Amino acid sequence: MQHTATIISGPAIVLLALLVCTSACKREPVYIGSPGAAPEDTSGYGIPCNPDSVYFNQQILPILTSNCAMPGCHDQQSHKEGVILDNYTNIRNTGKINLSSPANSKMYRVLNDSDPNDRMPPAPAAPLPLDQRALILKWIQQGALNLSCDPGCDTSNVAFSTGIMPLISLRCQGCHSGTNPSGGVSLANYSQVKATVTSGTLVGSINHKAGYKPMPYPAGSAKLPYCDIRKIQIWIDKGAPND
């Protein structure tokens, strides 16, 4: 009996390999919360921040805890619609983040919903600023990783306009602004921030002193980074000027 061997040319082998790989390696949408280990934080503290990278702990978590992880919304106790946005693990497990199509991630889409009642945060709160929404999208596009970095701590020229108000806006205004601010305390402008300095509530809250509601929320959260607290104290020691 004769056997006929089929000889496949070099280009044909390459084409066949590509077809097999395309079929086997097709990437399915990956949703945060599906089985599988979370990406490991490989950056560590002490690594200088790269301006091209988005760092979850320094940039994303403050936005979400200030604007979303609050009573009646997405904190541990309320967990509205099963979504908890108070730490990295809960955000990954409940935020329905789509790494294959970042703009279709539910956590991002609700930030841009045209219905004020379905938007996050809902009315009467204002929508997140465009730059914060863009930052969250970029974070997802980069893999929604749990990265940290060391931004450094420059306290040589602390001013309200360039150092204190941006800090307050990022970490506090989600709860303390709008028509119904948490605890009746609004921090939307200099006069309101200065009032909390005069009453002692700002220092008491950021240092988690007894008798003061700890800030940032939710309860049990870590204090603000040491550098942020130091900047606020330096500004207060200067007389808390509107500079």
Protein backbone atom coordinates (compact mmCIF):
# COMPACT_ATOMS: atom_id res chain seq x y z
CA MET A 1 0.00 0.00 0.00
CA GLN A 2 1.35 3.42 -0.89
CA HIS A 3 0.99 6.45 1.37
CA THR A 4 0.87 9.87 -0.18
CA ALA A 5 2.49 12.60 1.96
CA THR A 6 1.10 16.09 1.76
CA ILE A 7 3.80 18.72 1.80
CA ILE A 8 2.79 22.11 3.13
CA SER A 9 4.88 25.03 2.05
CA GLY A 10 6.41 27.50 4.49
CA PRO A 11 3.89 30.35 3.84
CA ALA A 12 1.00 27.93 4.24
CA ILE A 13 2.33 26.81 7.64
CA VAL A 14 2.50 30.42 8.80
CA LEU A 15 -1.05 31.10 7.61
CA LEU A 16 -2.34 27.96 9.36
CA ALA A 17 -0.61 28.97 12.60
CA LEU A 18 -2.16 32.42 12.45
CA LEU A 19 -5.64 30.98 11.96
CA VAL A 20 -5.21 28.63 14.92
CA CYS A 21 -3.92 31.43 17.15
CA THR A 22 -6.71 33.79 16.13
CA SER A 23 -9.30 31.19 17.06
CA ALA A 24 -7.65 30.11 20.30
CA CYS A 25 -6.52 33.53 21.51
CA LYS A 26 -9.68 35.56 20.93
CA ARG A 27 -10.17 37.69 24.02
CA GLU A 28 -13.53 37.60 25.68
CA PRO A 29 -14.82 40.62 27.64
CA VAL A 30 -13.39 40.61 31.14
CA TYR A 31 -15.66 41.90 33.89
CA ILE A 32 -14.31 42.86 37.25
CA GLY A 33 -16.05 40.65 39.75
CA SER A 34 -15.76 37.47 37.71
CA PRO A 35 -13.68 34.60 39.14
CA GLY A 36 -9.97 35.14 39.14
CA ALA A 37 -7.32 36.90 41.15
CA ALA A 38 -7.13 40.68 41.23
CA PRO A 39 -4.09 42.29 39.61
CA GLU A 40 -1.25 42.58 42.05
CA ASP A 41 -0.02 45.97 43.14
CA THR A 42 3.57 45.82 41.99
CA SER A 43 4.42 49.48 42.32
CA GLY A 44 4.78 49.78 46.08
CA TYR A 45 5.12 52.95 48.08
CA GLY A 46 8.18 55.07 47.60
CA ILE A 47 8.04 54.80 43.79
CA PRO A 48 7.84 58.25 42.18
CA CYS A 49 4.57 58.90 40.36
CA ASN A 50 4.67 58.60 36.57
CA PRO A 51 2.51 61.32 34.95
CA ASP A 52 1.42 58.85 32.27
CA SER A 53 0.06 56.34 34.79
CA VAL A 54 -3.11 56.48 36.89
CA TYR A 55 -2.64 55.51 40.53
CA PHE A 56 -5.68 54.04 42.22
CA ASN A 57 -4.84 55.00 45.79
CA GLN A 58 -3.75 58.57 45.10
CA GLN A 59 -6.18 59.50 42.31
CA ILE A 60 -9.18 57.18 41.94
CA LEU A 61 -10.12 56.06 45.45
CA PRO A 62 -10.49 59.63 46.82
CA ILE A 63 -12.95 60.47 44.03
CA LEU A 64 -15.11 57.41 44.63
CA THR A 65 -15.11 57.51 48.42
CA SER A 66 -15.93 61.22 48.45
CA ASN A 67 -18.70 61.09 45.85
CA CYS A 68 -20.11 57.57 45.97
CA ALA A 69 -19.28 55.60 49.14
CA MET A 70 -21.65 57.45 51.42
CA PRO A 71 -24.80 56.60 53.42
CA GLY A 72 -27.75 55.71 51.21
CA CYS A 73 -25.51 55.06 48.24
CA HIS A 74 -22.48 52.82 47.78
CA ASP A 75 -20.97 52.35 51.23
CA GLN A 76 -20.78 49.00 53.03
CA GLN A 77 -24.07 49.50 54.86
CA SER A 78 -26.22 50.79 51.98
CA HIS A 79 -24.58 48.91 49.05
CA LYS A 80 -27.19 50.26 46.64
CA GLU A 81 -27.80 47.78 43.78
CA GLY A 82 -25.09 45.62 45.34
CA VAL A 83 -22.37 48.14 44.49
CA ILE A 84 -19.79 49.05 47.14
CA LEU A 85 -17.16 51.64 46.24
CA ASP A 86 -15.18 52.09 49.43
CA ASN A 87 -11.98 50.16 48.64
CA TYR A 88 -10.18 48.47 45.77
CA THR A 89 -11.48 44.96 46.36
CA ASN A 90 -15.11 46.03 46.57
CA ILE A 91 -14.78 48.30 43.54
CA ARG A 92 -13.33 45.43 41.49
CA ASN A 93 -15.89 42.93 42.68
CA THR A 94 -19.02 45.07 42.30
CA GLY A 95 -18.22 47.88 39.86
CA LYS A 96 -18.79 45.85 36.66
CA ILE A 97 -15.64 47.14 35.00
CA ASN A 98 -15.14 45.92 31.45
CA LEU A 99 -11.46 45.79 30.63
CA SER A 100 -12.11 44.85 26.99
CA SER A 101 -14.38 47.85 26.45
CA PRO A 102 -13.57 50.38 29.20
CA ALA A 103 -16.14 52.98 28.11
CA ASN A 104 -18.85 50.33 28.49
CA SER A 105 -17.97 49.68 32.12
CA LYS A 106 -21.11 50.30 34.14
CA MET A 107 -19.18 52.25 36.76
CA TYR A 108 -18.06 54.66 34.05
CA ARG A 109 -21.32 54.79 32.08
CA VAL A 110 -23.37 55.88 35.10
CA LEU A 111 -21.06 58.85 35.56
CA ASN A 112 -22.25 60.15 32.19
CA ASP A 113 -25.94 59.18 32.32
CA SER A 114 -28.16 61.95 30.94
CA ASP A 115 -30.86 61.24 33.55
CA PRO A 116 -29.86 63.10 36.74
CA ASN A 117 -31.58 60.48 38.88
CA ASP A 118 -29.71 57.58 37.27
CA ARG A 119 -26.41 59.41 37.06
CA MET A 120 -23.71 58.84 39.68
CA PRO A 121 -23.67 60.80 41.87
CA PRO A 122 -27.42 61.40 41.53
CA ALA A 123 -29.16 64.77 41.74
CA PRO A 124 -29.16 67.09 43.57
CA ALA A 125 -25.41 66.45 43.59
CA ALA A 126 -23.55 67.80 40.58
CA PRO A 127 -22.01 65.36 38.08
CA LEU A 128 -18.35 64.61 38.49
CA PRO A 129 -16.09 67.10 36.70
CA LEU A 130 -15.07 66.03 33.21
CA ASP A 131 -11.43 65.68 34.21
CA GLN A 132 -12.31 63.24 37.00
CA ARG A 133 -14.49 61.17 34.68
CA ALA A 134 -11.67 61.11 32.12
CA LEU A 135 -9.24 59.98 34.82
CA ILE A 136 -11.51 57.08 35.83
CA LEU A 137 -11.80 56.00 32.19
CA LYS A 138 -8.02 56.17 31.76
CA TRP A 139 -7.60 54.06 34.90
CA ILE A 140 -9.84 51.36 33.45
CA GLN A 141 -8.06 51.57 30.09
CA GLN A 142 -4.78 50.93 31.90
CA GLY A 143 -6.16 47.77 33.49
CA ALA A 144 -7.92 49.09 36.61
CA LEU A 145 -4.86 48.21 38.67
CA ASN A 146 -4.31 48.73 42.39
CA LEU A 147 -1.24 50.93 42.05
CA SER A 148 0.30 53.39 44.46
CA CYS A 149 3.12 55.86 44.17
CA ASP A 150 4.90 58.49 46.22
CA PRO A 151 3.95 61.95 44.91
CA GLY A 152 6.46 63.60 47.22
CA CYS A 153 5.62 66.25 49.80
CA ASP A 154 6.45 69.84 48.98
CA THR A 155 5.38 72.08 51.87
CA SER A 156 7.64 75.01 50.97
CA ASN A 157 4.87 77.26 49.65
CA VAL A 158 1.44 76.09 50.80
CA ALA A 159 -1.39 78.33 49.58
CA PHE A 160 -5.14 77.95 49.77
CA SER A 161 -5.77 78.23 46.03
CA THR A 162 -3.04 75.85 44.88
CA GLY A 163 -2.65 73.46 47.80
CA ILE A 164 -5.64 73.41 50.13
CA MET A 165 -8.71 73.89 47.94
CA PRO A 166 -7.65 71.24 45.37
CA LEU A 167 -7.16 68.82 48.26
CA ILE A 168 -10.58 69.66 49.73
CA SER A 169 -12.20 69.36 46.30
CA LEU A 170 -10.75 65.89 45.71
CA ARG A 171 -11.24 64.37 49.14
CA CYS A 172 -14.13 66.21 50.81
CA GLN A 173 -16.50 68.01 48.47
CA GLY A 174 -18.33 64.89 47.36
CA CYS A 175 -19.91 64.76 50.81
CA HIS A 176 -19.58 68.40 51.80
CA SER A 177 -21.13 70.39 48.97
CA GLY A 178 -24.44 70.83 47.19
CA THR A 179 -27.87 71.53 48.68
CA ASN A 180 -27.67 68.81 51.32
CA PRO A 181 -24.06 68.50 52.51
CA SER A 182 -23.18 65.77 54.99
CA GLY A 183 -23.62 66.91 58.58
CA GLY A 184 -24.78 70.29 57.33
CA VAL A 185 -21.13 71.17 56.63
CA SER A 186 -20.31 72.55 53.19
CA LEU A 187 -16.74 73.02 51.98
CA ALA A 188 -17.46 74.53 48.60
CA ASN A 189 -15.51 77.77 49.00
CA TYR A 190 -12.95 79.61 51.13
CA SER A 191 -15.45 81.10 53.61
CA GLN A 192 -16.93 77.69 54.37
CA VAL A 193 -13.54 76.02 54.77
CA LYS A 194 -12.34 78.88 56.98
CA ALA A 195 -15.42 78.45 59.20
CA THR A 196 -14.40 74.84 59.93
CA VAL A 197 -10.91 76.03 60.76
CA THR A 198 -12.28 78.57 63.22
CA SER A 199 -14.55 76.01 64.88
CA GLY A 200 -11.76 73.43 65.05
CA THR A 201 -13.78 70.81 63.20
CA LEU A 202 -11.43 70.59 60.22
CA VAL A 203 -8.38 69.76 62.31
CA GLY A 204 -10.37 67.52 64.65
CA SER A 205 -11.90 65.55 61.80
CA ILE A 206 -8.81 65.01 59.66
CA ASN A 207 -6.84 63.92 62.75
CA HIS A 208 -9.67 61.61 63.92
CA LYS A 209 -9.79 63.26 67.33
CA ALA A 210 -12.32 62.10 69.90
CA GLY A 211 -15.60 64.03 69.66
CA TYR A 212 -15.22 64.78 65.94
CA LYS A 213 -16.60 62.87 62.97
CA PRO A 214 -13.55 61.35 61.30
CA MET A 215 -12.86 62.46 57.78
CA PRO A 216 -12.58 61.08 55.15
CA TYR A 217 -15.71 58.93 55.19
CA PRO A 218 -16.60 56.04 55.48
CA ALA A 219 -15.98 55.32 59.14
CA GLY A 220 -12.91 53.18 59.56
CA SER A 221 -11.13 54.78 56.62
CA ALA A 222 -7.50 55.72 57.06
CA LYS A 223 -6.59 59.30 57.77
CA LEU A 224 -5.58 61.59 54.96
CA PRO A 225 -1.97 61.08 53.89
CA TYR A 226 0.48 62.66 56.30
CA CYS A 227 1.58 65.17 53.67
CA ASP A 228 -2.00 66.43 53.17
CA ILE A 229 -2.55 66.85 56.90
CA ARG A 230 0.80 68.63 57.18
CA LYS A 231 -0.12 71.07 54.39
CA ILE A 232 -3.46 71.90 56.03
CA GLN A 233 -1.75 72.48 59.38
CA ILE A 234 0.92 74.71 57.83
CA TRP A 235 -1.78 76.77 56.11
CA ILE A 236 -3.75 77.08 59.35
CA ASP A 237 -0.60 78.08 61.26
CA LYS A 238 -0.18 80.93 58.74
CA GLY A 239 -3.62 82.19 59.73
CA ALA A 240 -5.58 80.25 57.09
CA PRO A 241 -5.33 83.08 54.52
CA ASN A 242 -7.31 83.21 51.28
CA ASP A 243 -4.12 83.16 49.23
